[in-house]
Amino acid sequence: MRHMSERLSADVVRHVASLARLDISDDEVERFTEQLGAILQHAADVEALEIADIPPTTHALALTNVLRADEARPSLDRNVVLSQAPSAEDGRFRVPRILGEP
């Protein structure tokens, strides 16, 4: 299989740079020709994969929910907890406003 960088010419890279309004040096043209060729080759490799029999997925690996079931359990009494807070109001913790407002 030929590499995409062999099919991608420096003239094409210069043209793309011109369309993007980029002024690139000859060294950059050479480097970008190789890099863009590698990117295009990878895209061609992905496109060549036989995926017709593979079902669509949302993740590459099968995931399972590792969380416990949400079950009501006894907890601390609200009034006891609020009595330990520096400041409480209307059954909630009172905290300073954002940005130092009183």
C-alpha atoms as a PDB file:
ATOM      1  CA  MET A   1       0.000   0.000   0.000  1.00  0.00           C
ATOM      2  CA  ARG A   2       1.352   3.429  -0.888  1.00  0.00           C
ATOM      3  CA  HIS A   3       1.625   5.960   1.887  1.00  0.00           C
ATOM      4  CA  MET A   4      -0.611   9.005   1.641  1.00  0.00           C
ATOM      5  CA  SER A   5       2.448  11.259   1.952  1.00  0.00           C
ATOM      6  CA  GLU A   6       3.579   9.864  -1.417  1.00  0.00           C
ATOM      7  CA  ARG A   7       0.289  10.992  -2.976  1.00  0.00           C
ATOM      8  CA  LEU A   8       0.225  14.295  -1.107  1.00  0.00           C
ATOM      9  CA  SER A   9       2.501  16.741  -2.871  1.00  0.00           C
ATOM     10  CA  ALA A  10       4.196  19.832  -1.543  1.00  0.00           C
ATOM     11  CA  ASP A  11       2.136  21.829  -4.045  1.00  0.00           C
ATOM     12  CA  VAL A  12      -1.068  20.591  -2.413  1.00  0.00           C
ATOM     13  CA  VAL A  13       0.259  21.584   1.023  1.00  0.00           C
ATOM     14  CA  ARG A  14       1.164  25.028  -0.310  1.00  0.00           C
ATOM     15  CA  HIS A  15      -2.319  25.347  -1.821  1.00  0.00           C
ATOM     16  CA  VAL A  16      -3.999  24.374   1.470  1.00  0.00           C
ATOM     17  CA  ALA A  17      -1.768  26.837   3.333  1.00  0.00           C
ATOM     18  CA  SER A  18      -2.758  29.519   0.842  1.00  0.00           C
ATOM     19  CA  LEU A  19      -6.458  28.773   1.341  1.00  0.00           C
ATOM     20  CA  ALA A  20      -5.918  29.053   5.103  1.00  0.00           C
ATOM     21  CA  ARG A  21      -3.987  32.281   4.510  1.00  0.00           C
ATOM     22  CA  LEU A  22      -0.870  30.836   6.111  1.00  0.00           C
ATOM     23  CA  ASP A  23       2.608  31.864   5.064  1.00  0.00           C
ATOM     24  CA  ILE A  24       4.769  28.768   5.563  1.00  0.00           C
ATOM     25  CA  SER A  25       8.444  28.204   4.855  1.00  0.00           C
ATOM     26  CA  ASP A  26       9.885  25.466   2.646  1.00  0.00           C
ATOM     27  CA  ASP A  27      10.921  23.550   5.789  1.00  0.00           C
ATOM     28  CA  GLU A  28       7.347  23.746   7.061  1.00  0.00           C
ATOM     29  CA  VAL A  29       6.004  22.587   3.686  1.00  0.00           C
ATOM     30  CA  GLU A  30       8.209  19.506   3.914  1.00  0.00           C
ATOM     31  CA  ARG A  31       7.245  18.808   7.524  1.00  0.00           C
ATOM     32  CA  PHE A  32       3.524  19.407   6.950  1.00  0.00           C
ATOM     33  CA  THR A  33       3.522  17.241   3.823  1.00  0.00           C
ATOM     34  CA  GLU A  34       4.752  14.331   5.929  1.00  0.00           C
ATOM     35  CA  GLN A  35       2.422  15.075   8.853  1.00  0.00           C
ATOM     36  CA  LEU A  36      -0.681  15.603   6.727  1.00  0.00           C
ATOM     37  CA  GLY A  37       0.199  12.496   4.762  1.00  0.00           C
ATOM     38  CA  ALA A  38       0.307  10.468   7.981  1.00  0.00           C
ATOM     39  CA  ILE A  39      -3.068  11.873   9.054  1.00  0.00           C
ATOM     40  CA  LEU A  40      -4.641  11.083   5.699  1.00  0.00           C
ATOM     41  CA  GLN A  41      -3.109   7.595   5.739  1.00  0.00           C
ATOM     42  CA  HIS A  42      -4.617   6.947   9.163  1.00  0.00           C
ATOM     43  CA  ALA A  43      -8.005   8.153   7.906  1.00  0.00           C
ATOM     44  CA  ALA A  44      -7.684   5.807   4.920  1.00  0.00           C
ATOM     45  CA  ASP A  45      -6.806   2.916   7.251  1.00  0.00           C
ATOM     46  CA  VAL A  46      -9.900   3.613   9.362  1.00  0.00           C
ATOM     47  CA  GLU A  47     -12.076   3.923   6.269  1.00  0.00           C
ATOM     48  CA  ALA A  48     -10.814   0.540   5.000  1.00  0.00           C
ATOM     49  CA  LEU A  49     -11.963  -1.319   8.122  1.00  0.00           C
ATOM     50  CA  GLU A  50     -14.752  -3.845   7.651  1.00  0.00           C
ATOM     51  CA  ILE A  51     -17.354  -2.699  10.173  1.00  0.00           C
ATOM     52  CA  ALA A  52     -20.624  -3.711   8.511  1.00  0.00           C
ATOM     53  CA  ASP A  53     -21.264  -6.494  11.062  1.00  0.00           C
ATOM     54  CA  ILE A  54     -20.258  -4.456  14.115  1.00  0.00           C
ATOM     55  CA  PRO A  55     -23.144  -2.863  16.016  1.00  0.00           C
ATOM     56  CA  PRO A  56     -22.856   0.808  16.956  1.00  0.00           C
ATOM     57  CA  THR A  57     -21.736   1.454  20.524  1.00  0.00           C
ATOM     58  CA  THR A  58     -21.398   4.429  22.801  1.00  0.00           C
ATOM     59  CA  HIS A  59     -18.118   3.202  24.258  1.00  0.00           C
ATOM     60  CA  ALA A  60     -15.292   0.966  23.070  1.00  0.00           C
ATOM     61  CA  LEU A  61     -15.578  -1.262  26.152  1.00  0.00           C
ATOM     62  CA  ALA A  62     -18.686  -2.725  27.729  1.00  0.00           C
ATOM     63  CA  LEU A  63     -19.494  -0.692  30.822  1.00  0.00           C
ATOM     64  CA  THR A  64     -21.558  -1.727  33.791  1.00  0.00           C
ATOM     65  CA  ASN A  65     -22.963   0.486  36.491  1.00  0.00           C
ATOM     66  CA  VAL A  66     -20.823   0.008  39.586  1.00  0.00           C
ATOM     67  CA  LEU A  67     -22.941   2.232  41.806  1.00  0.00           C
ATOM     68  CA  ARG A  68     -24.974   0.789  44.622  1.00  0.00           C
ATOM     69  CA  ALA A  69     -28.749   0.915  44.523  1.00  0.00           C
ATOM     70  CA  ASP A  70     -30.223   4.182  45.766  1.00  0.00           C
ATOM     71  CA  GLU A  71     -31.935   3.142  48.993  1.00  0.00           C
ATOM     72  CA  ALA A  72     -33.213   5.368  51.776  1.00  0.00           C
ATOM     73  CA  ARG A  73     -31.264   4.774  54.985  1.00  0.00           C
ATOM     74  CA  PRO A  74     -31.252   6.432  58.376  1.00  0.00           C
ATOM     75  CA  SER A  75     -29.045   9.496  58.521  1.00  0.00           C
ATOM     76  CA  LEU A  76     -28.189  12.300  60.891  1.00  0.00           C
ATOM     77  CA  ASP A  77     -31.018  14.406  62.250  1.00  0.00           C
ATOM     78  CA  ARG A  78     -31.217  17.717  60.380  1.00  0.00           C
ATOM     79  CA  ASN A  79     -31.690  19.802  63.502  1.00  0.00           C
ATOM     80  CA  VAL A  80     -28.684  18.215  65.195  1.00  0.00           C
ATOM     81  CA  VAL A  81     -26.482  18.861  62.177  1.00  0.00           C
ATOM     82  CA  LEU A  82     -27.695  22.448  61.740  1.00  0.00           C
ATOM     83  CA  SER A  83     -27.097  23.117  65.438  1.00  0.00           C
ATOM     84  CA  GLN A  84     -23.398  22.378  64.843  1.00  0.00           C
ATOM     85  CA  ALA A  85     -23.120  24.826  61.914  1.00  0.00           C
ATOM     86  CA  PRO A  86     -21.662  28.323  62.406  1.00  0.00           C
ATOM     87  CA  SER A  87     -24.827  29.763  60.873  1.00  0.00           C
ATOM     88  CA  ALA A  88     -28.168  28.273  59.790  1.00  0.00           C
ATOM     89  CA  GLU A  89     -31.360  29.770  58.365  1.00  0.00           C
ATOM     90  CA  ASP A  90     -34.703  28.240  57.336  1.00  0.00           C
ATOM     91  CA  GLY A  91     -33.474  24.666  57.842  1.00  0.00           C
ATOM     92  CA  ARG A  92     -30.329  25.203  55.690  1.00  0.00           C
ATOM     93  CA  PHE A  93     -26.696  26.108  56.186  1.00  0.00           C
ATOM     94  CA  ARG A  94     -26.139  29.847  55.834  1.00  0.00           C
ATOM     95  CA  VAL A  95     -23.011  30.685  53.858  1.00  0.00           C
ATOM     96  CA  PRO A  96     -21.576  34.008  52.684  1.00  0.00           C
ATOM     97  CA  ARG A  97     -22.743  35.265  49.296  1.00  0.00           C
ATOM     98  CA  ILE A  98     -20.439  34.995  46.328  1.00  0.00           C
ATOM     99  CA  LEU A  99     -18.007  37.862  45.617  1.00  0.00           C
ATOM    100  CA  GLY A 100     -17.905  38.995  49.218  1.00  0.00           C
ATOM    101  CA  GLU A 101     -21.402  40.456  49.289  1.00  0.00           C
ATOM    102  CA  PRO A 102     -22.882  40.597  52.799  1.00  0.00           C
END
